[in-house]
Protein backbone atom coordinates (compact mmCIF):
# COMPACT_ATOMS: atom_id res chain seq x y z
CA MET A 1 -28.42 44.22 18.56
CA GLY A 2 -26.92 45.10 15.26
CA ALA A 3 -28.17 47.76 12.71
CA MET A 4 -31.55 47.78 11.58
CA ILE A 5 -31.95 45.49 8.21
CA PHE A 6 -33.96 46.66 5.39
CA ARG A 7 -36.66 44.11 4.35
CA PRO A 8 -38.28 44.45 1.14
CA GLU A 9 -41.36 42.39 2.34
CA PHE A 10 -42.71 42.25 5.66
CA LYS A 11 -46.16 41.22 7.17
CA THR A 12 -48.17 43.94 9.14
CA ARG A 13 -49.81 43.17 12.61
CA ALA A 14 -53.06 42.53 10.54
CA GLY A 15 -51.31 39.80 8.73
CA LYS A 16 -51.16 41.59 5.25
CA LYS A 17 -47.95 41.09 3.31
CA VAL A 18 -46.56 44.51 2.37
CA SER A 19 -43.74 45.01 0.11
CA PHE A 20 -41.43 47.89 -0.71
CA GLY A 21 -39.76 48.09 -4.25
CA ALA A 22 -36.18 48.95 -4.66
CA ASN A 23 -36.99 52.71 -4.90
CA TYR A 24 -37.48 52.75 -1.18
CA THR A 25 -34.06 51.59 -0.30
CA HIS A 26 -30.73 53.69 -0.30
CA ASN A 27 -29.22 50.74 -1.99
CA THR A 28 -28.31 51.96 -5.37
CA THR A 29 -27.07 48.60 -6.41
CA ALA A 30 -30.72 47.14 -5.77
CA LYS A 31 -32.04 50.10 -7.67
CA ARG A 32 -30.06 49.51 -10.71
CA ARG A 33 -30.98 45.84 -10.76
CA ALA A 34 -34.64 46.96 -10.58
CA GLY A 35 -33.91 49.18 -13.62
CA LEU A 36 -34.61 52.44 -11.76
CA THR A 37 -32.37 55.62 -11.28
CA LYS A 38 -30.60 56.61 -8.00
CA ALA A 39 -33.85 58.64 -7.19
CA GLY A 40 -35.91 55.57 -7.62
CA ARG A 41 -37.75 56.54 -10.78
CA PRO A 42 -37.99 54.30 -13.79
CA ARG A 43 -35.17 54.53 -16.11
CA ALA A 44 -35.91 55.71 -19.76
CA LEU A 45 -35.42 52.59 -22.03
CA ALA A 46 -32.92 52.99 -24.86
CA GLY A 47 -34.90 53.93 -27.94
CA ALA A 48 -38.14 54.49 -26.17
CA PRO A 49 -39.98 57.66 -27.32
CA VAL A 50 -39.37 60.72 -25.18
CA ALA A 51 -41.86 63.38 -24.22
CA PRO A 52 -41.23 66.70 -26.35
CA VAL A 53 -39.83 69.32 -24.42
CA ARG A 54 -42.10 72.37 -24.43
CA ARG A 55 -40.32 75.59 -24.49
CA PHE A 56 -41.12 78.15 -22.11
CA ARG A 57 -42.73 80.96 -24.03
CA PHE A 58 -42.52 84.11 -21.80
CA TRP A 59 -44.76 86.39 -24.03
CA THR A 60 -47.85 83.87 -23.43
CA SER A 61 -47.02 83.17 -19.91
CA PRO A 62 -48.79 83.97 -16.76
CA TRP A 63 -45.65 85.64 -15.56
CA LEU A 64 -45.90 88.44 -18.14
CA PHE A 65 -49.44 89.14 -17.08
CA ALA A 66 -48.44 89.20 -13.29
CA ALA A 67 -45.69 91.40 -14.03
CA ASN A 68 -47.76 93.86 -16.32
CA THR A 69 -50.54 93.84 -13.64
CA LEU A 70 -47.94 94.73 -10.90
CA ALA A 71 -46.56 97.41 -12.91
CA LEU A 72 -49.78 99.05 -13.74
CA GLY A 73 -51.08 98.64 -10.23
CA GLY A 74 -47.96 100.22 -8.99
CA ALA A 75 -48.06 103.08 -11.31
CA TYR A 76 -51.82 103.58 -10.48
CA LEU A 77 -51.08 103.74 -6.56
CA TYR A 78 -47.86 105.74 -6.97
CA GLU A 79 -50.34 108.44 -9.24
CA ARG A 80 -53.13 108.19 -6.77
CA PHE A 81 -51.50 108.38 -3.35
CA GLY A 82 -48.02 109.96 -4.09
CA PRO A 83 -44.42 108.44 -3.88
CA VAL A 84 -44.66 107.84 -0.19
CA LEU A 85 -48.01 106.47 0.57
CA GLY A 86 -48.25 104.91 -3.07
CA SER A 87 -44.95 103.03 -2.43
CA PHE A 88 -46.29 101.81 0.92
CA ALA A 89 -49.30 100.72 -0.41
CA LEU A 90 -47.69 98.71 -3.18
CA ALA A 91 -45.33 97.03 -0.67
CA SER A 92 -48.24 96.14 1.51
CA ALA A 93 -50.20 94.68 -1.50
CA LEU A 94 -47.15 92.61 -2.45
CA TYR A 95 -46.55 91.30 1.06
CA VAL A 96 -50.18 90.36 1.58
CA GLY A 97 -50.28 88.72 -2.11
CA TYR A 98 -47.08 86.58 -1.33
CA LYS A 99 -48.30 85.47 2.01
CA ALA A 100 -51.65 84.43 0.24
CA ALA A 101 -49.88 82.70 -2.77
CA ARG A 102 -47.80 80.83 -0.20
CA TRP A 103 -50.63 79.53 1.63
CA VAL A 104 -52.57 78.63 -1.18
CA VAL A 105 -49.46 76.59 -2.76
CA GLY A 106 -49.09 74.98 0.94
CA GLU A 107 -52.77 73.99 0.87
CA VAL A 108 -52.58 72.55 -2.70
CA ALA A 109 -49.52 70.50 -1.68
CA HIS A 110 -50.93 69.29 1.52
CA TRP A 111 -54.11 67.90 -0.08
CA SER A 112 -52.58 66.47 -3.00
CA VAL A 113 -50.52 64.47 -0.65
CA LYS A 114 -53.39 63.58 1.54
CA THR A 115 -55.35 62.52 -1.62
CA ARG A 116 -52.51 60.36 -2.94
CA GLN A 117 -52.21 58.76 0.57
CA ILE A 118 -56.10 57.93 0.63
CA ARG A 119 -55.73 56.58 -2.91
CA GLY A 120 -52.81 54.72 -2.09
CA GLY A 121 -50.24 56.17 -4.36
CA GLY A 122 -48.52 54.09 -6.97
CA GLN A 123 -48.14 51.00 -4.49
CA VAL A 124 -51.44 49.67 -4.61
CA ALA A 125 -50.91 47.22 -7.63
CA HIS A 126 -48.12 45.32 -6.28
CA ALA A 127 -48.16 45.82 -2.48
CA SER A 128 -50.94 43.15 -2.18
CA ASP A 129 -49.33 40.41 -4.12
CA GLY A 130 -45.78 40.56 -3.35
CA LEU A 131 -42.80 41.79 -5.27
CA PRO A 132 -43.29 42.09 -8.99
CA PRO A 133 -41.40 39.13 -11.04
CA ALA A 134 -37.87 40.00 -11.54
CA VAL A 135 -34.82 37.89 -12.85
CA ARG A 136 -33.14 36.14 -9.75
CA ILE A 137 -29.57 37.37 -9.14
CA PRO A 138 -27.85 34.93 -6.78
CA ALA A 139 -26.20 37.87 -4.74
CA ASP A 140 -29.57 39.71 -4.64
CA SER A 141 -30.71 38.26 -1.37
CA VAL A 142 -31.21 39.78 2.17
CA ASN A 143 -28.88 38.89 4.95
CA TYR A 144 -30.40 38.79 8.36
CA GLY A 145 -28.07 39.24 11.05
CA ASN A 146 -27.70 36.54 13.97
CA ASN A 147 -30.02 38.39 16.41
CA GLY A 148 -31.25 35.16 17.94
CA ARG A 149 -33.58 34.18 15.10
């Protein structure tokens, strides 16, 4: 049996027709024909308005607040407990805070993926009614190997 061949449309066991767009392939030619980038995202059309880039303003960012809080907390711990215990307390607080932040970010990522899966992602509109209409290109066909079909 030959290599597994990519099929843009297939039927599930329940008989529902499912279609995958070009962005699910690793075929950059098919993506280009579909007007997508290599990563599978829609290509910005020439002359289309581009979203304005918002500059990162450090002085109004939460990073400055976090850095100031850390500096003030470290100074307080250093003053209250001395150099050895204060440094240990600060290191412990940083470690616990880092672990908690990583856990929160992981949970947010996990549940955002789960909710997107439940909603159906961006595939709901055209997954049920086949591929979106496109210009027919003669070379744009799927060649099935001769595997006894």
